[in-house]
Amino acid sequence: MQKRNKFKWEPFSNKQLKVMTWWCDNSPVKDYDGIIADGAVRSGKTVSMAISFVNWAMARFNETDFALCGKTVGSLRRNVVITLKQQLLSLNYEYEEKRTDNLIIISKGNVTNYFYVFGGKDESSQDLIQGMTLAGVLFDEVALMPESFVSQAEARCSVEGSKLWYNCNPKGPTHYFKTKYVDAIKDKNLLYLHFTMDDNLTLSEAVKERYRRMFTGVFYDRNILGLWVTAEGKIYFSFTKDNVIASADWYAKDGNGNYINPLRKNISICTIGVDFGGNKSSTAFTCTAFTKGFAECVTVKERRIKNEIDPTQLEKEFVDFCRECRAEYTVLAAYCDSAEQVLIRGLRKAVMNEHIPIAINNARKGEIIDRIRFGLTMFAQHRFFIVSNCTETIQAYTDAVWDDKKEDVRLDDGTTNIDNLDSSEYSQEPYMKTMIDLTKKRG
């Protein structure tokens, strides 16, 4: 069993104390079958839910299996397990983790219980937990999990006295967890607690204000106000004329031949994003420049090919675009839609034959909602700009709207230019986390 440094405990808010004690013998709500804690980011939900879940399990059971569930095993370890381990060791629990088995063994005195770690990222994840017999499940960020996984995990809880623990940040009002859980707490016999950042006593007003500045629009309503609201209408409302740099200003030089624009003077590297055409969509290339330290990013070059082209034409266009970009900037790599591996191999061979030193990589293609959140945040913070001659990209961000028939999905029916949005995001993705982390540090 492993022991580590003590966890620094801070005072709990009243809402966190309810999470910590709702299951205790003297609690008036101890007979609920589970608990939901939803609301704002950084509101203290997870830190109180996880330790309370283990305290309850250790007080009520012995030699019993439980499940800790996150969107992925990796995210659960980062968001829950690391802090939980420190908390447990500070409370004199014994802790052993068998990572290859995704198993955490927790003991205290004569009591030992087994906590299995699961990721519930897609429909197939339900197969991982099927067949187990559990006394309780903690669902961290349950709104990011498919309903099938949640239902399968719940069905595993057949031990007498088992309870279910859910926490999340809100999504849209038609999300299954809102309609079938939050709106049905009486039918499901669940305790419901709504959190705001004021329920986390460790946050200073300066830190809370920093988080308020990080989100805009629907993401502010969900992540700061903790509301289950619809994403509708125009997406990039934080994109304004102030995010557009006139070409004349971008290319202006002083008498010594040095660039005048402060962003242009501070450019460090560039990357290219590639979205392949097909099914009436266009092929799009975007070159994004990053300033030193990844403080800002600027769309500096673009190309949109609306006609259908064969692989040979594609390679010629791409080589030409790379040369155009490299004539002005240091271009490290291109990130291409990973769905088209044959075309990617063709581009890789083409730049090698032309002796163009650019790495050709698969785009990460993270969730579109996360890419949208990045763009909104960077526009609002005046850290994402577009040079005015990149008219296709400007129009793409201006016209983008939410799909009113699907939840949290960008409309992609051919009426707006999604292709330049995708290529723009592919070029930014390698450094999105770095830029977001810088936001958190800056305050």
Protein backbone atom coordinates (compact mmCIF):
# COMPACT_ATOMS: atom_id res chain seq x y z
CA MET A 1 0.00 0.00 0.00
CA GLN A 2 1.24 3.47 -0.90
CA LYS A 3 1.40 6.55 1.29
CA ARG A 4 2.08 10.12 0.23
CA ASN A 5 2.14 13.69 1.38
CA LYS A 6 -0.87 15.06 3.24
CA PHE A 7 -3.69 16.68 1.33
CA LYS A 8 -4.29 20.30 2.27
CA TRP A 9 -7.89 20.45 3.37
CA GLU A 10 -9.82 23.69 2.94
CA PRO A 11 -13.17 24.63 4.53
CA PHE A 12 -16.21 23.12 2.80
CA SER A 13 -19.18 25.23 1.77
CA ASN A 14 -22.66 24.33 2.99
CA LYS A 15 -23.45 22.64 -0.31
CA GLN A 16 -20.25 20.61 -0.24
CA LEU A 17 -21.05 19.56 3.33
CA LYS A 18 -24.42 18.29 2.12
CA VAL A 19 -22.59 16.17 -0.45
CA MET A 20 -20.26 14.90 2.26
CA THR A 21 -23.00 13.92 4.72
CA TRP A 22 -26.26 13.19 2.88
CA TRP A 23 -25.87 9.42 3.29
CA CYS A 24 -25.00 9.49 7.02
CA ASP A 25 -27.27 7.85 9.63
CA ASN A 26 -28.48 11.16 11.07
CA SER A 27 -29.18 12.74 7.65
CA PRO A 28 -32.83 13.49 6.80
CA VAL A 29 -32.13 12.58 3.15
CA LYS A 30 -30.21 9.34 3.73
CA ASP A 31 -32.91 7.22 2.09
CA TYR A 32 -32.42 8.72 -1.37
CA ASP A 33 -31.12 6.24 -3.95
CA GLY A 34 -28.53 8.65 -5.24
CA ILE A 35 -27.35 12.22 -5.68
CA ILE A 36 -26.99 14.64 -8.60
CA ALA A 37 -24.61 17.59 -8.34
CA ASP A 38 -24.66 19.82 -11.42
CA GLY A 39 -23.73 23.42 -12.11
CA ALA A 40 -20.79 25.68 -12.86
CA VAL A 41 -17.20 24.74 -13.50
CA ARG A 42 -14.79 25.09 -10.55
CA SER A 43 -17.71 24.97 -8.12
CA GLY A 44 -16.33 22.22 -5.89
CA LYS A 45 -18.60 19.41 -7.07
CA THR A 46 -15.98 16.80 -7.90
CA VAL A 47 -13.68 17.26 -4.92
CA SER A 48 -16.53 16.69 -2.47
CA MET A 49 -18.36 13.99 -4.47
CA ALA A 50 -15.37 11.68 -4.88
CA ILE A 51 -14.25 11.60 -1.26
CA SER A 52 -17.84 11.32 -0.02
CA PHE A 53 -18.43 8.39 -2.39
CA VAL A 54 -15.45 6.50 -0.95
CA ASN A 55 -16.29 7.41 2.66
CA TRP A 56 -19.82 6.07 2.12
CA ALA A 57 -18.55 2.89 0.48
CA MET A 58 -16.08 2.21 3.28
CA ALA A 59 -18.68 2.91 5.98
CA ARG A 60 -21.36 0.68 4.47
CA PHE A 61 -19.58 -2.22 2.75
CA ASN A 62 -16.61 -4.58 2.93
CA GLU A 63 -15.00 -6.71 0.23
CA THR A 64 -17.33 -5.16 -2.33
CA ASP A 65 -16.91 -3.78 -5.86
CA PHE A 66 -17.65 -0.21 -6.96
CA ALA A 67 -17.11 1.78 -10.17
CA LEU A 68 -15.54 5.17 -10.81
CA CYS A 69 -16.60 6.36 -14.27
CA GLY A 70 -15.42 9.27 -16.41
CA LYS A 71 -15.62 10.09 -20.09
CA THR A 72 -12.25 8.36 -20.48
CA VAL A 73 -9.99 6.57 -18.03
CA GLY A 74 -7.37 9.25 -18.63
CA SER A 75 -9.70 12.16 -17.88
CA LEU A 76 -10.97 10.39 -14.76
CA ARG A 77 -7.43 9.93 -13.46
CA ARG A 78 -6.66 13.61 -14.06
CA ASN A 79 -9.93 15.03 -12.76
CA VAL A 80 -10.72 12.68 -9.89
CA VAL A 81 -8.20 10.00 -8.99
CA ILE A 82 -5.10 12.14 -8.42
CA THR A 83 -6.80 14.40 -5.87
CA LEU A 84 -8.84 11.56 -4.37
CA LYS A 85 -5.67 9.60 -3.68
CA GLN A 86 -4.17 12.52 -1.75
CA GLN A 87 -7.39 12.99 0.20
CA LEU A 88 -7.55 9.32 1.16
CA LEU A 89 -3.95 9.12 2.30
CA SER A 90 -4.43 12.22 4.45
CA LEU A 91 -7.34 10.42 6.15
CA ASN A 92 -5.14 7.38 6.85
CA TYR A 93 -6.70 5.14 4.25
CA GLU A 94 -4.42 2.63 2.58
CA TYR A 95 -4.35 2.98 -1.18
CA GLU A 96 -3.15 0.59 -3.88
CA GLU A 97 -3.61 1.14 -7.59
CA LYS A 98 -3.27 -1.58 -10.21
CA ARG A 99 -3.24 0.47 -13.39
CA THR A 100 -3.13 -2.50 -15.76
CA ASP A 101 -6.38 -3.74 -14.23
CA ASN A 102 -7.87 -0.24 -13.85
CA LEU A 103 -8.41 -1.12 -10.21
CA ILE A 104 -7.97 0.88 -7.00
CA ILE A 105 -7.94 -1.05 -3.71
CA ILE A 106 -8.78 1.03 -0.64
CA SER A 107 -8.46 -0.24 2.93
CA LYS A 108 -8.87 1.06 6.44
CA GLY A 109 -8.79 -1.16 9.51
CA ASN A 110 -10.57 -4.40 8.68
CA VAL A 111 -12.42 -2.92 5.69
CA THR A 112 -11.24 -3.31 2.09
CA ASN A 113 -13.17 -2.38 -1.04
CA TYR A 114 -12.43 -2.43 -4.76
CA PHE A 115 -12.99 0.51 -7.08
CA TYR A 116 -12.83 -0.20 -10.81
CA VAL A 117 -12.07 2.65 -13.21
CA PHE A 118 -14.08 2.94 -16.43
CA GLY A 119 -14.30 5.29 -19.41
CA GLY A 120 -17.73 5.85 -20.93
CA LYS A 121 -16.90 7.75 -24.09
CA ASP A 122 -19.15 5.96 -26.62
CA GLU A 123 -21.88 3.36 -27.08
CA SER A 124 -19.41 0.45 -27.07
CA SER A 125 -18.21 1.41 -23.58
CA GLN A 126 -21.20 -0.32 -22.04
CA ASP A 127 -19.62 -3.68 -22.92
CA LEU A 128 -16.74 -3.00 -20.53
CA ILE A 129 -18.91 -2.82 -17.43
CA GLN A 130 -21.43 -5.46 -18.42
CA GLY A 131 -21.57 -8.49 -16.13
CA MET A 132 -20.21 -6.82 -13.01
CA THR A 133 -22.01 -6.72 -9.65
CA LEU A 134 -21.59 -3.35 -7.95
CA ALA A 135 -22.72 -1.57 -4.79
CA GLY A 136 -22.34 1.93 -6.22
CA VAL A 137 -21.16 4.02 -9.14
CA LEU A 138 -19.69 7.52 -9.31
CA PHE A 139 -20.32 9.13 -12.71
CA ASP A 140 -17.94 12.08 -13.13
CA GLU A 141 -19.12 14.41 -15.95
CA VAL A 142 -22.06 12.12 -16.65
CA ALA A 143 -23.45 14.45 -19.35
CA LEU A 144 -20.47 13.52 -21.53
CA MET A 145 -21.35 9.81 -21.40
CA PRO A 146 -23.81 8.02 -23.69
CA GLU A 147 -27.06 7.00 -22.07
CA SER A 148 -26.41 3.33 -22.88
CA PHE A 149 -23.26 3.29 -20.76
CA VAL A 150 -24.96 5.02 -17.83
CA SER A 151 -27.91 2.64 -17.98
CA GLN A 152 -25.65 -0.41 -18.11
CA ALA A 153 -23.62 0.81 -15.11
CA GLU A 154 -26.80 1.49 -13.14
CA ALA A 155 -28.06 -2.00 -13.91
CA ARG A 156 -24.91 -3.45 -12.33
CA CYS A 157 -25.86 -2.00 -8.92
CA SER A 158 -27.79 -4.97 -7.56
CA VAL A 159 -26.19 -5.05 -4.09
CA GLU A 160 -28.60 -4.15 -1.28
CA GLY A 161 -28.07 -0.54 -0.18
CA SER A 162 -26.33 0.53 -3.40
CA LYS A 163 -26.41 4.21 -4.40
CA LEU A 164 -25.69 6.23 -7.54
CA TRP A 165 -23.62 9.43 -7.65
CA TYR A 166 -23.74 11.80 -10.63
CA ASN A 167 -21.99 15.10 -11.30
CA CYS A 168 -21.75 17.22 -14.44
CA ASN A 169 -21.70 20.63 -16.07
CA PRO A 170 -24.97 21.34 -17.93
CA LYS A 171 -25.52 20.79 -21.64
CA GLY A 172 -28.67 21.50 -23.66
CA PRO A 173 -32.19 21.29 -22.17
CA THR A 174 -33.07 18.25 -24.30
CA HIS A 175 -30.03 16.26 -23.19
CA TYR A 176 -31.10 12.87 -21.85
CA PHE A 177 -29.58 13.54 -18.42
CA LYS A 178 -31.62 16.73 -18.05
CA THR A 179 -34.92 15.23 -19.18
CA LYS A 180 -34.58 11.77 -17.64
CA TYR A 181 -32.67 12.57 -14.45
CA VAL A 182 -32.62 16.23 -13.38
CA ASP A 183 -36.27 16.68 -14.35
CA ALA A 184 -37.21 13.32 -12.82
CA ILE A 185 -35.52 13.44 -9.42
CA LYS A 186 -38.74 12.57 -7.58
CA ASP A 187 -39.46 9.54 -9.72
CA LYS A 188 -35.87 8.35 -9.40
CA ASN A 189 -35.66 9.21 -5.68
CA LEU A 190 -32.53 11.32 -6.15
CA LEU A 191 -31.15 14.21 -4.12
CA TYR A 192 -30.41 17.21 -6.36
CA LEU A 193 -27.86 19.94 -5.59
CA HIS A 194 -27.07 22.84 -7.93
CA PHE A 195 -23.58 24.37 -7.61
CA THR A 196 -22.13 27.77 -8.52
CA MET A 197 -18.57 29.00 -8.13
CA ASP A 198 -19.63 30.62 -4.86
CA ASP A 199 -19.97 27.10 -3.45
CA ASN A 200 -16.20 26.66 -3.77
CA LEU A 201 -14.72 28.62 -0.87
CA THR A 202 -11.17 28.16 -2.15
CA LEU A 203 -11.76 30.50 -5.11
CA SER A 204 -10.90 34.16 -4.71
CA GLU A 205 -13.02 36.79 -6.44
CA ALA A 206 -10.14 37.39 -8.85
CA VAL A 207 -10.10 33.74 -9.88
CA LYS A 208 -13.87 33.65 -10.27
CA GLU A 209 -13.74 36.75 -12.44
CA ARG A 210 -11.04 35.12 -14.57
CA TYR A 211 -13.31 32.15 -15.23
CA ARG A 212 -16.20 34.47 -16.07
CA ARG A 213 -14.02 36.06 -18.75
CA MET A 214 -13.11 32.67 -20.20
CA PHE A 215 -16.63 31.86 -21.44
CA THR A 216 -19.14 33.63 -23.65
CA GLY A 217 -22.64 32.96 -24.93
CA VAL A 218 -24.12 29.52 -24.33
CA PHE A 219 -20.86 28.39 -22.71
CA TYR A 220 -21.13 31.19 -20.15
CA ASP A 221 -24.71 30.20 -19.36
CA ARG A 222 -23.73 26.57 -18.91
CA ASN A 223 -20.27 26.73 -17.36
CA ILE A 224 -20.62 29.84 -15.21
CA LEU A 225 -24.34 30.10 -14.47
CA GLY A 226 -24.78 26.34 -14.53
CA LEU A 227 -27.89 26.42 -16.72
CA TRP A 228 -29.19 23.76 -19.11
CA VAL A 229 -29.69 26.05 -22.11
CA THR A 230 -29.97 25.64 -25.86
CA ALA A 231 -27.24 26.55 -28.31
CA GLU A 232 -29.09 28.43 -31.04
CA GLY A 233 -28.62 31.06 -33.71
CA LYS A 234 -25.31 32.66 -34.59
CA ILE A 235 -22.32 30.81 -33.12
CA TYR A 236 -19.38 33.20 -33.23
CA PHE A 237 -21.03 36.35 -31.90
CA SER A 238 -17.73 37.28 -30.20
CA PHE A 239 -16.12 37.57 -33.66
CA THR A 240 -16.27 41.26 -34.59
CA LYS A 241 -14.48 43.72 -36.85
CA ASP A 242 -11.91 44.13 -34.07
CA ASN A 243 -10.74 40.57 -34.80
CA VAL A 244 -9.98 41.45 -38.43
CA ILE A 245 -6.61 42.96 -39.32
CA ALA A 246 -6.47 45.03 -42.50
CA SER A 247 -4.06 43.53 -45.03
CA ALA A 248 -2.36 46.89 -45.48
CA ASP A 249 -1.63 47.05 -41.75
CA TRP A 250 -0.46 43.43 -41.64
CA TYR A 251 2.07 43.92 -44.42
CA ALA A 252 3.12 47.52 -43.60
CA LYS A 253 6.85 48.09 -43.00
CA ASP A 254 8.87 50.95 -41.61
CA GLY A 255 11.73 52.72 -43.35
CA ASN A 256 14.13 49.95 -42.36
CA GLY A 257 11.99 47.22 -43.86
CA ASN A 258 10.67 45.93 -40.53
CA TYR A 259 7.03 45.03 -39.99
CA ILE A 260 5.07 47.61 -38.02
CA ASN A 261 2.13 45.55 -36.79
CA PRO A 262 3.00 44.30 -33.27
CA LEU A 263 1.46 40.88 -33.88
CA ARG A 264 3.26 40.47 -37.20
CA LYS A 265 6.56 41.36 -35.54
CA ASN A 266 5.95 38.70 -32.90
CA ILE A 267 5.06 35.76 -35.17
CA SER A 268 6.91 32.59 -34.23
CA ILE A 269 5.58 29.62 -36.20
CA CYS A 270 2.77 28.63 -38.54
CA THR A 271 0.73 25.50 -39.18
CA ILE A 272 -1.55 24.54 -42.05
CA GLY A 273 -4.95 22.89 -41.76
CA VAL A 274 -6.38 20.80 -44.60
CA ASP A 275 -10.03 19.83 -45.10
CA PHE A 276 -10.63 17.61 -48.11
CA GLY A 277 -13.60 18.20 -50.40
CA GLY A 278 -16.27 15.71 -51.40
CA ASN A 279 -20.04 15.29 -51.38
CA LYS A 280 -20.53 18.85 -52.65
CA SER A 281 -18.09 20.31 -50.09
CA SER A 282 -14.98 22.32 -50.91
CA THR A 283 -11.32 21.61 -50.31
CA ALA A 284 -9.87 24.17 -47.90
CA PHE A 285 -6.37 25.10 -46.74
CA THR A 286 -5.74 27.48 -43.83
CA CYS A 287 -2.41 28.81 -42.59
CA THR A 288 -2.46 29.95 -38.96
CA ALA A 289 0.38 31.97 -37.44
CA PHE A 290 1.12 31.86 -33.72
CA THR A 291 2.87 34.59 -31.79
CA LYS A 292 5.68 33.79 -29.37
CA GLY A 293 4.49 31.85 -26.35
CA PHE A 294 1.22 31.11 -28.20
CA ALA A 295 -0.33 34.29 -26.85
CA GLU A 296 -2.28 34.91 -30.08
CA CYS A 297 -3.09 33.20 -33.35
CA VAL A 298 -3.77 34.80 -36.73
CA THR A 299 -5.26 33.36 -39.92
CA VAL A 300 -2.75 34.65 -42.48
CA LYS A 301 -3.40 32.58 -45.62
CA GLU A 302 -6.32 30.60 -47.02
CA ARG A 303 -7.38 28.73 -50.09
CA ARG A 304 -10.78 27.30 -50.98
CA ILE A 305 -11.24 25.08 -54.03
CA LYS A 306 -14.94 24.79 -54.76
CA ASN A 307 -14.73 22.51 -57.79
CA GLU A 308 -14.11 18.79 -57.51
CA ILE A 309 -10.44 17.96 -58.06
CA ASP A 310 -8.55 14.72 -58.50
CA PRO A 311 -5.61 13.70 -56.25
CA THR A 312 -3.03 15.05 -58.71
CA GLN A 313 -4.70 18.48 -58.77
CA LEU A 314 -5.01 18.39 -54.98
CA GLU A 315 -1.30 17.73 -54.57
CA LYS A 316 -0.42 20.54 -57.00
CA GLU A 317 -2.68 23.02 -55.17
CA PHE A 318 -1.28 21.99 -51.80
CA VAL A 319 2.36 22.27 -52.88
CA ASP A 320 1.62 25.71 -54.32
CA PHE A 321 -0.08 26.79 -51.07
CA CYS A 322 2.84 25.53 -48.98
CA ARG A 323 5.30 27.51 -51.09
CA GLU A 324 3.15 30.62 -50.80
CA CYS A 325 3.05 30.31 -47.01
CA ARG A 326 6.73 29.43 -46.60
CA ALA A 327 7.71 32.49 -48.63
CA GLU A 328 6.56 34.61 -45.68
CA TYR A 329 6.44 32.38 -42.60
CA THR A 330 8.08 29.49 -40.81
CA VAL A 331 5.65 26.63 -41.44
CA LEU A 332 6.25 23.54 -39.31
CA ALA A 333 3.46 21.13 -40.22
CA ALA A 334 0.15 20.53 -41.93
CA TYR A 335 -2.75 18.82 -40.14
CA CYS A 336 -5.15 17.01 -42.45
CA ASP A 337 -8.59 15.45 -42.08
CA SER A 338 -7.66 11.97 -40.86
CA ALA A 339 -10.60 10.35 -42.67
CA GLU A 340 -8.69 10.53 -45.97
CA GLN A 341 -5.50 8.53 -45.46
CA VAL A 342 -4.89 7.90 -49.17
CA LEU A 343 -4.98 11.64 -49.89
CA ILE A 344 -2.74 12.35 -46.91
CA ARG A 345 -0.14 9.90 -48.18
CA GLY A 346 -0.30 11.65 -51.53
CA LEU A 347 0.34 15.06 -49.95
CA ARG A 348 3.21 13.63 -47.92
CA LYS A 349 4.83 12.22 -51.04
CA ALA A 350 4.23 15.45 -52.97
CA VAL A 351 6.03 17.70 -50.47
CA MET A 352 8.90 15.20 -50.23
CA ASN A 353 9.28 15.17 -54.01
CA GLU A 354 9.31 18.97 -54.04
CA HIS A 355 11.77 19.11 -51.11
CA ILE A 356 9.38 21.13 -48.96
CA PRO A 357 10.26 20.50 -45.28
CA ILE A 358 6.74 20.36 -43.85
CA ALA A 359 5.49 17.47 -41.71
CA ILE A 360 2.16 16.07 -42.91
CA ASN A 361 0.12 14.85 -39.93
CA ASN A 362 -3.38 13.65 -39.13
CA ALA A 363 -5.58 16.34 -37.61
CA ARG A 364 -6.67 15.59 -34.07
CA LYS A 365 -10.31 16.23 -34.94
CA GLY A 366 -11.37 16.79 -31.36
CA GLU A 367 -15.03 17.30 -30.55
CA ILE A 368 -16.50 20.17 -32.56
CA ILE A 369 -18.07 21.69 -29.44
CA ASP A 370 -14.59 22.06 -27.91
CA ARG A 371 -13.23 23.63 -31.08
CA ILE A 372 -16.14 26.08 -31.11
CA ARG A 373 -15.54 26.95 -27.47
CA PHE A 374 -11.89 27.69 -28.28
CA GLY A 375 -12.79 30.03 -31.13
CA LEU A 376 -15.40 31.90 -29.11
CA THR A 377 -13.04 32.34 -26.19
CA MET A 378 -10.07 33.48 -28.28
CA PHE A 379 -12.17 35.96 -30.27
CA ALA A 380 -13.62 37.40 -27.05
CA GLN A 381 -10.17 37.74 -25.50
CA HIS A 382 -8.77 39.35 -28.68
CA ARG A 383 -6.28 36.54 -29.14
CA PHE A 384 -7.59 35.20 -32.46
CA PHE A 385 -7.40 37.42 -35.54
CA ILE A 386 -7.94 37.03 -39.26
CA VAL A 387 -6.13 39.06 -41.93
CA SER A 388 -8.71 40.81 -44.09
CA ASN A 389 -7.67 39.19 -47.38
CA CYS A 390 -8.76 35.81 -45.93
CA THR A 391 -12.32 36.55 -46.99
CA GLU A 392 -13.54 32.94 -47.06
CA THR A 393 -12.52 32.41 -43.44
CA ILE A 394 -14.08 35.68 -42.33
CA GLN A 395 -17.34 34.76 -44.04
CA ALA A 396 -17.25 31.24 -42.57
CA TYR A 397 -17.00 32.51 -38.99
CA THR A 398 -19.58 35.22 -39.68
CA ASP A 399 -22.18 32.84 -41.14
CA ALA A 400 -21.78 29.82 -38.84
CA VAL A 401 -24.97 28.92 -36.95
CA TRP A 402 -26.15 26.15 -34.65
CA ASP A 403 -28.22 23.34 -36.15
CA ASP A 404 -31.69 23.82 -34.66
CA LYS A 405 -32.53 20.14 -35.20
CA LYS A 406 -29.54 18.73 -33.29
CA GLU A 407 -28.06 19.55 -29.91
CA ASP A 408 -24.70 21.37 -29.85
CA VAL A 409 -24.04 20.71 -33.54
CA ARG A 410 -22.89 23.25 -36.13
CA LEU A 411 -25.20 23.47 -39.15
CA ASP A 412 -23.55 21.62 -42.03
CA ASP A 413 -26.08 21.46 -44.86
CA GLY A 414 -24.13 23.28 -47.58
CA THR A 415 -25.65 26.69 -46.90
CA THR A 416 -22.54 27.90 -45.04
CA ASN A 417 -18.81 27.36 -45.50
CA ILE A 418 -17.93 24.69 -42.96
CA ASP A 419 -14.80 23.64 -44.87
CA ASN A 420 -12.72 26.71 -43.99
CA LEU A 421 -13.89 26.43 -40.39
CA ASP A 422 -12.64 22.85 -40.24
CA SER A 423 -9.29 23.63 -41.85
CA SER A 424 -8.86 26.63 -39.54
CA GLU A 425 -9.53 24.46 -36.49
CA TYR A 426 -7.26 21.66 -37.69
CA SER A 427 -4.40 24.15 -37.91
CA GLN A 428 -5.08 25.45 -34.40
CA GLU A 429 -5.75 22.17 -32.59
CA PRO A 430 -2.13 21.27 -31.71
CA TYR A 431 -1.89 24.43 -29.60
CA MET A 432 -5.46 24.95 -28.39
CA LYS A 433 -4.76 23.52 -24.94
CA THR A 434 -1.61 25.63 -24.62
CA MET A 435 -3.55 28.79 -25.41
CA ILE A 436 -6.42 27.89 -23.06
CA ASP A 437 -3.96 27.10 -20.26
CA LEU A 438 -2.37 30.50 -20.82
CA THR A 439 -5.80 32.06 -20.30
CA LYS A 440 -6.07 30.37 -16.90
CA LYS A 441 -2.62 31.56 -15.86
CA ARG A 442 -3.13 35.12 -17.04
CA GLY A 443 -6.35 35.68 -15.10
